[in-house]
Amino acid sequence: CSSDLSDDIASSLLAKNGHEEQEQAPNRLLWTASLYAAIIAVGVSLAMLGPTLLGLSAQLHSSVAAAGSLFSVRAAGYLLGATLGGPALDRSSNPAWLLLLGAGT
């Protein structure tokens, strides 16, 4: 699945630019680095809620259980994003833009 996506990204980059393949290498490297950075950003955002849960509940003056409900809300958001983003990704001519947009939110 991910190899199909990377093939789609590479083919769309090659189709948009009429340059030789040697000139495509820096452009593909930039796309790859951007996508890796986006995935790392998503991982950091997913990992930071757990260790900050006690401090968050203290700042919000709420119980840890109430602050823990953020895990459920976040999971529901990811479910909604996957449900709506999947078909949008399938219809997109350049899926890399949607992936970067999704990671930026």
N, C-alpha and C. Protein backbone atom coordinates (compact mmCIF):
# COMPACT_ATOMS: atom_id res chain seq x y z
N CYS A 1 0.82 -1.19 0.00
CA CYS A 1 0.00 0.00 0.00
C CYS A 1 0.87 1.26 0.00
N SER A 2 1.87 1.29 0.89
CA SER A 2 2.73 2.48 0.93
C SER A 2 3.62 2.56 -0.30
N SER A 3 3.98 1.39 -0.88
CA SER A 3 4.78 1.44 -2.10
C SER A 3 3.94 1.95 -3.26
N ASP A 4 2.63 1.61 -3.29
CA ASP A 4 1.75 2.15 -4.31
C ASP A 4 1.64 3.65 -4.18
N LEU A 5 1.54 4.14 -2.94
CA LEU A 5 1.44 5.57 -2.71
C LEU A 5 2.71 6.28 -3.14
N SER A 6 3.87 5.71 -2.81
CA SER A 6 5.12 6.34 -3.21
C SER A 6 5.29 6.29 -4.73
N ASP A 7 4.80 5.21 -5.38
CA ASP A 7 4.84 5.15 -6.84
C ASP A 7 3.94 6.22 -7.45
N ASP A 8 2.74 6.42 -6.83
CA ASP A 8 1.83 7.46 -7.32
C ASP A 8 2.45 8.84 -7.18
N ILE A 9 3.10 9.08 -6.05
CA ILE A 9 3.74 10.38 -5.82
C ILE A 9 4.86 10.59 -6.83
N ALA A 10 5.67 9.56 -7.02
CA ALA A 10 6.79 9.68 -7.95
C ALA A 10 6.29 9.89 -9.38
N SER A 11 5.25 9.15 -9.77
CA SER A 11 4.74 9.31 -11.14
C SER A 11 4.10 10.67 -11.34
N SER A 12 3.42 11.18 -10.30
CA SER A 12 2.80 12.50 -10.46
C SER A 12 3.87 13.58 -10.53
N LEU A 13 4.95 13.41 -9.79
CA LEU A 13 6.05 14.38 -9.87
C LEU A 13 6.71 14.33 -11.24
N LEU A 14 6.90 13.13 -11.76
CA LEU A 14 7.52 13.01 -13.08
C LEU A 14 6.59 13.52 -14.18
N ALA A 15 5.29 13.34 -14.01
CA ALA A 15 4.35 13.79 -15.03
C ALA A 15 4.22 15.31 -15.05
N LYS A 16 4.29 15.95 -13.89
CA LYS A 16 4.13 17.40 -13.83
C LYS A 16 5.34 18.13 -14.38
N ASN A 17 6.50 17.61 -14.17
CA ASN A 17 7.71 18.29 -14.62
C ASN A 17 8.24 17.56 -15.85
N GLY A 18 8.50 18.29 -16.90
CA GLY A 18 8.98 17.67 -18.13
C GLY A 18 10.50 17.59 -18.19
N HIS A 19 11.17 17.64 -17.07
CA HIS A 19 12.62 17.63 -17.05
C HIS A 19 13.15 16.21 -17.08
N GLU A 20 14.43 16.11 -17.23
CA GLU A 20 15.07 14.80 -17.23
C GLU A 20 14.99 14.18 -15.84
N GLU A 21 15.18 12.86 -15.78
CA GLU A 21 15.08 12.15 -14.51
C GLU A 21 16.17 12.57 -13.53
N GLN A 22 17.33 12.99 -14.02
CA GLN A 22 18.41 13.43 -13.13
C GLN A 22 18.00 14.68 -12.36
N GLU A 23 17.21 15.54 -12.99
CA GLU A 23 16.77 16.76 -12.32
C GLU A 23 15.66 16.47 -11.31
N GLN A 24 15.06 15.28 -11.38
CA GLN A 24 13.98 14.92 -10.48
C GLN A 24 14.48 14.46 -9.12
N ALA A 25 15.71 14.02 -9.03
CA ALA A 25 16.23 13.46 -7.79
C ALA A 25 16.15 14.45 -6.63
N PRO A 26 16.57 15.70 -6.75
CA PRO A 26 16.44 16.62 -5.61
C PRO A 26 14.99 16.89 -5.25
N ASN A 27 14.11 16.97 -6.25
CA ASN A 27 12.71 17.20 -5.99
C ASN A 27 12.08 16.03 -5.24
N ARG A 28 12.40 14.82 -5.65
CA ARG A 28 11.89 13.62 -4.96
C ARG A 28 12.46 13.53 -3.56
N LEU A 29 13.71 13.93 -3.39
CA LEU A 29 14.31 13.91 -2.05
C LEU A 29 13.60 14.90 -1.13
N LEU A 30 13.24 16.06 -1.66
CA LEU A 30 12.52 17.05 -0.86
C LEU A 30 11.14 16.53 -0.46
N TRP A 31 10.43 15.90 -1.39
CA TRP A 31 9.13 15.31 -1.06
C TRP A 31 9.27 14.22 0.00
N THR A 32 10.26 13.37 -0.16
CA THR A 32 10.47 12.29 0.79
C THR A 32 10.79 12.84 2.17
N ALA A 33 11.66 13.83 2.23
CA ALA A 33 12.01 14.44 3.52
C ALA A 33 10.79 15.12 4.14
N SER A 34 9.96 15.76 3.33
CA SER A 34 8.76 16.42 3.85
C SER A 34 7.77 15.41 4.42
N LEU A 35 7.61 14.31 3.72
CA LEU A 35 6.69 13.28 4.21
C LEU A 35 7.21 12.62 5.48
N TYR A 36 8.51 12.37 5.56
CA TYR A 36 9.08 11.82 6.79
C TYR A 36 8.90 12.78 7.96
N ALA A 37 9.12 14.07 7.71
CA ALA A 37 8.94 15.07 8.77
C ALA A 37 7.48 15.12 9.22
N ALA A 38 6.55 14.97 8.29
CA ALA A 38 5.13 14.97 8.64
C ALA A 38 4.78 13.77 9.50
N ILE A 39 5.32 12.61 9.16
CA ILE A 39 5.04 11.40 9.95
C ILE A 39 5.65 11.53 11.35
N ILE A 40 6.82 12.09 11.45
CA ILE A 40 7.45 12.30 12.77
C ILE A 40 6.62 13.28 13.59
N ALA A 41 6.10 14.33 12.96
CA ALA A 41 5.26 15.30 13.67
C ALA A 41 3.99 14.65 14.19
N VAL A 42 3.39 13.78 13.41
CA VAL A 42 2.19 13.06 13.86
C VAL A 42 2.55 12.16 15.04
N GLY A 43 3.66 11.48 14.98
CA GLY A 43 4.09 10.62 16.08
C GLY A 43 4.33 11.39 17.36
N VAL A 44 4.96 12.54 17.25
CA VAL A 44 5.21 13.37 18.44
C VAL A 44 3.90 13.86 19.03
N SER A 45 2.98 14.27 18.17
CA SER A 45 1.69 14.77 18.68
C SER A 45 0.89 13.66 19.34
N LEU A 46 1.00 12.44 18.84
CA LEU A 46 0.30 11.32 19.46
C LEU A 46 0.94 10.93 20.79
N ALA A 47 2.24 11.04 20.88
CA ALA A 47 2.95 10.58 22.07
C ALA A 47 2.92 11.58 23.22
N MET A 48 2.69 12.85 22.93
CA MET A 48 2.84 13.84 24.01
C MET A 48 1.65 13.92 24.95
N LEU A 49 0.49 13.44 24.59
CA LEU A 49 -0.67 13.56 25.46
C LEU A 49 -0.54 12.72 26.73
N GLY A 50 -0.03 11.53 26.61
CA GLY A 50 0.10 10.64 27.78
C GLY A 50 0.93 11.23 28.91
N PRO A 51 2.18 11.63 28.66
CA PRO A 51 3.01 12.17 29.74
C PRO A 51 2.51 13.51 30.30
N THR A 52 1.74 14.25 29.56
CA THR A 52 1.27 15.55 30.04
C THR A 52 -0.12 15.49 30.65
N LEU A 53 -0.68 14.29 30.77
CA LEU A 53 -2.07 14.16 31.23
C LEU A 53 -2.26 14.68 32.66
N LEU A 54 -1.35 14.39 33.57
CA LEU A 54 -1.50 14.85 34.96
C LEU A 54 -1.40 16.37 35.04
N GLY A 55 -0.43 16.95 34.35
CA GLY A 55 -0.29 18.40 34.34
C GLY A 55 -1.48 19.08 33.68
N LEU A 56 -2.00 18.46 32.64
CA LEU A 56 -3.16 19.00 31.94
C LEU A 56 -4.38 19.00 32.84
N SER A 57 -4.59 17.91 33.57
CA SER A 57 -5.75 17.85 34.46
C SER A 57 -5.61 18.86 35.60
N ALA A 58 -4.39 19.12 36.07
CA ALA A 58 -4.19 20.12 37.12
C ALA A 58 -4.47 21.53 36.60
N GLN A 59 -4.02 21.82 35.40
CA GLN A 59 -4.25 23.16 34.82
C GLN A 59 -5.72 23.40 34.50
N LEU A 60 -6.42 22.36 34.11
CA LEU A 60 -7.84 22.50 33.78
C LEU A 60 -8.74 22.36 35.00
N HIS A 61 -8.14 22.06 36.15
CA HIS A 61 -8.89 21.84 37.40
C HIS A 61 -9.98 20.78 37.20
N SER A 62 -9.58 19.68 36.59
CA SER A 62 -10.51 18.58 36.36
C SER A 62 -9.86 17.28 36.83
N SER A 63 -10.64 16.23 36.86
CA SER A 63 -10.11 14.94 37.27
C SER A 63 -9.26 14.34 36.15
N VAL A 64 -8.44 13.39 36.53
CA VAL A 64 -7.61 12.71 35.54
C VAL A 64 -8.49 11.92 34.57
N ALA A 65 -9.60 11.38 35.07
CA ALA A 65 -10.52 10.63 34.21
C ALA A 65 -11.13 11.54 33.14
N ALA A 66 -11.49 12.76 33.55
CA ALA A 66 -12.07 13.70 32.57
C ALA A 66 -11.02 14.11 31.54
N ALA A 67 -9.81 14.36 32.00
CA ALA A 67 -8.74 14.71 31.06
C ALA A 67 -8.39 13.51 30.18
N GLY A 68 -8.54 12.30 30.72
CA GLY A 68 -8.28 11.10 29.94
C GLY A 68 -9.26 10.89 28.82
N SER A 69 -10.41 11.55 28.91
CA SER A 69 -11.39 11.44 27.82
C SER A 69 -10.85 12.07 26.54
N LEU A 70 -9.79 12.87 26.65
CA LEU A 70 -9.15 13.42 25.46
C LEU A 70 -8.63 12.32 24.54
N PHE A 71 -8.24 11.19 25.13
CA PHE A 71 -7.79 10.06 24.31
C PHE A 71 -8.93 9.57 23.41
N SER A 72 -10.14 9.49 23.98
CA SER A 72 -11.29 9.05 23.19
C SER A 72 -11.66 10.07 22.11
N VAL A 73 -11.62 11.34 22.48
CA VAL A 73 -11.94 12.38 21.51
C VAL A 73 -10.92 12.39 20.38
N ARG A 74 -9.64 12.23 20.73
CA ARG A 74 -8.60 12.20 19.71
C ARG A 74 -8.79 11.00 18.78
N ALA A 75 -9.12 9.84 19.36
CA ALA A 75 -9.34 8.64 18.54
C ALA A 75 -10.53 8.83 17.61
N ALA A 76 -11.58 9.48 18.10
CA ALA A 76 -12.75 9.74 17.25
C ALA A 76 -12.38 10.69 16.11
N GLY A 77 -11.53 11.66 16.39
CA GLY A 77 -11.07 12.57 15.34
C GLY A 77 -10.26 11.86 14.28
N TYR A 78 -9.40 10.95 14.70
CA TYR A 78 -8.62 10.19 13.72
C TYR A 78 -9.52 9.26 12.90
N LEU A 79 -10.53 8.70 13.54
CA LEU A 79 -11.48 7.85 12.81
C LEU A 79 -12.22 8.66 11.76
N LEU A 80 -12.69 9.85 12.14
CA LEU A 80 -13.38 10.72 11.20
C LEU A 80 -12.44 11.16 10.08
N GLY A 81 -11.21 11.50 10.43
CA GLY A 81 -10.24 11.92 9.41
C GLY A 81 -9.92 10.81 8.43
N ALA A 82 -9.79 9.58 8.93
CA ALA A 82 -9.51 8.45 8.05
C ALA A 82 -10.69 8.14 7.16
N THR A 83 -11.90 8.28 7.71
CA THR A 83 -13.11 8.00 6.95
C THR A 83 -13.30 9.00 5.82
N LEU A 84 -13.04 10.27 6.10
CA LEU A 84 -13.21 11.30 5.08
C LEU A 84 -11.96 11.45 4.21
N GLY A 85 -10.79 11.24 4.80
CA GLY A 85 -9.55 11.45 4.06
C GLY A 85 -9.21 10.33 3.10
N GLY A 86 -9.65 9.12 3.40
CA GLY A 86 -9.37 7.99 2.51
C GLY A 86 -9.91 8.18 1.11
N PRO A 87 -11.21 8.45 0.98
CA PRO A 87 -11.75 8.69 -0.36
C PRO A 87 -11.15 9.93 -1.03
N ALA A 88 -10.86 10.97 -0.24
CA ALA A 88 -10.24 12.17 -0.83
C ALA A 88 -8.85 11.85 -1.35
N LEU A 89 -8.14 11.00 -0.65
CA LEU A 89 -6.81 10.59 -1.08
C LEU A 89 -6.87 9.77 -2.36
N ASP A 90 -7.90 8.93 -2.47
CA ASP A 90 -8.07 8.11 -3.68
C ASP A 90 -8.39 8.96 -4.89
N ARG A 91 -9.13 10.06 -4.70
CA ARG A 91 -9.54 10.91 -5.82
C ARG A 91 -8.49 11.95 -6.19
N SER A 92 -7.51 12.16 -5.34
CA SER A 92 -6.54 13.24 -5.56
C SER A 92 -5.55 12.87 -6.66
N SER A 93 -5.17 13.88 -7.44
CA SER A 93 -4.17 13.65 -8.47
C SER A 93 -2.76 13.62 -7.89
N ASN A 94 -2.56 14.29 -6.76
CA ASN A 94 -1.26 14.29 -6.09
C ASN A 94 -1.49 14.06 -4.60
N PRO A 95 -1.45 12.79 -4.15
CA PRO A 95 -1.79 12.49 -2.76
C PRO A 95 -0.81 13.04 -1.73
N ALA A 96 0.37 13.43 -2.14
CA ALA A 96 1.34 13.96 -1.19
C ALA A 96 0.85 15.24 -0.54
N TRP A 97 0.14 16.07 -1.29
CA TRP A 97 -0.40 17.32 -0.72
C TRP A 97 -1.40 17.03 0.38
N LEU A 98 -2.25 16.04 0.17
CA LEU A 98 -3.24 15.70 1.19
C LEU A 98 -2.58 15.12 2.43
N LEU A 99 -1.53 14.33 2.24
CA LEU A 99 -0.82 13.77 3.39
C LEU A 99 -0.16 14.86 4.21
N LEU A 100 0.46 15.81 3.53
CA LEU A 100 1.09 16.92 4.24
C LEU A 100 0.05 17.80 4.93
N LEU A 101 -1.08 18.00 4.28
CA LEU A 101 -2.16 18.79 4.88
C LEU A 101 -2.70 18.08 6.11
N GLY A 102 -2.89 16.78 6.02
CA GLY A 102 -3.38 16.02 7.16
C GLY A 102 -2.43 16.00 8.33
N ALA A 103 -1.16 15.95 8.05
CA ALA A 103 -0.17 15.95 9.13
C ALA A 103 -0.05 17.33 9.76
N GLY A 104 -0.38 18.36 9.01
CA GLY A 104 -0.27 19.72 9.55
C GLY A 104 -1.41 20.11 10.45
N THR A 105 -2.48 19.29 10.48
CA THR A 105 -3.63 19.68 11.30
C THR A 105 -3.57 19.13 12.68
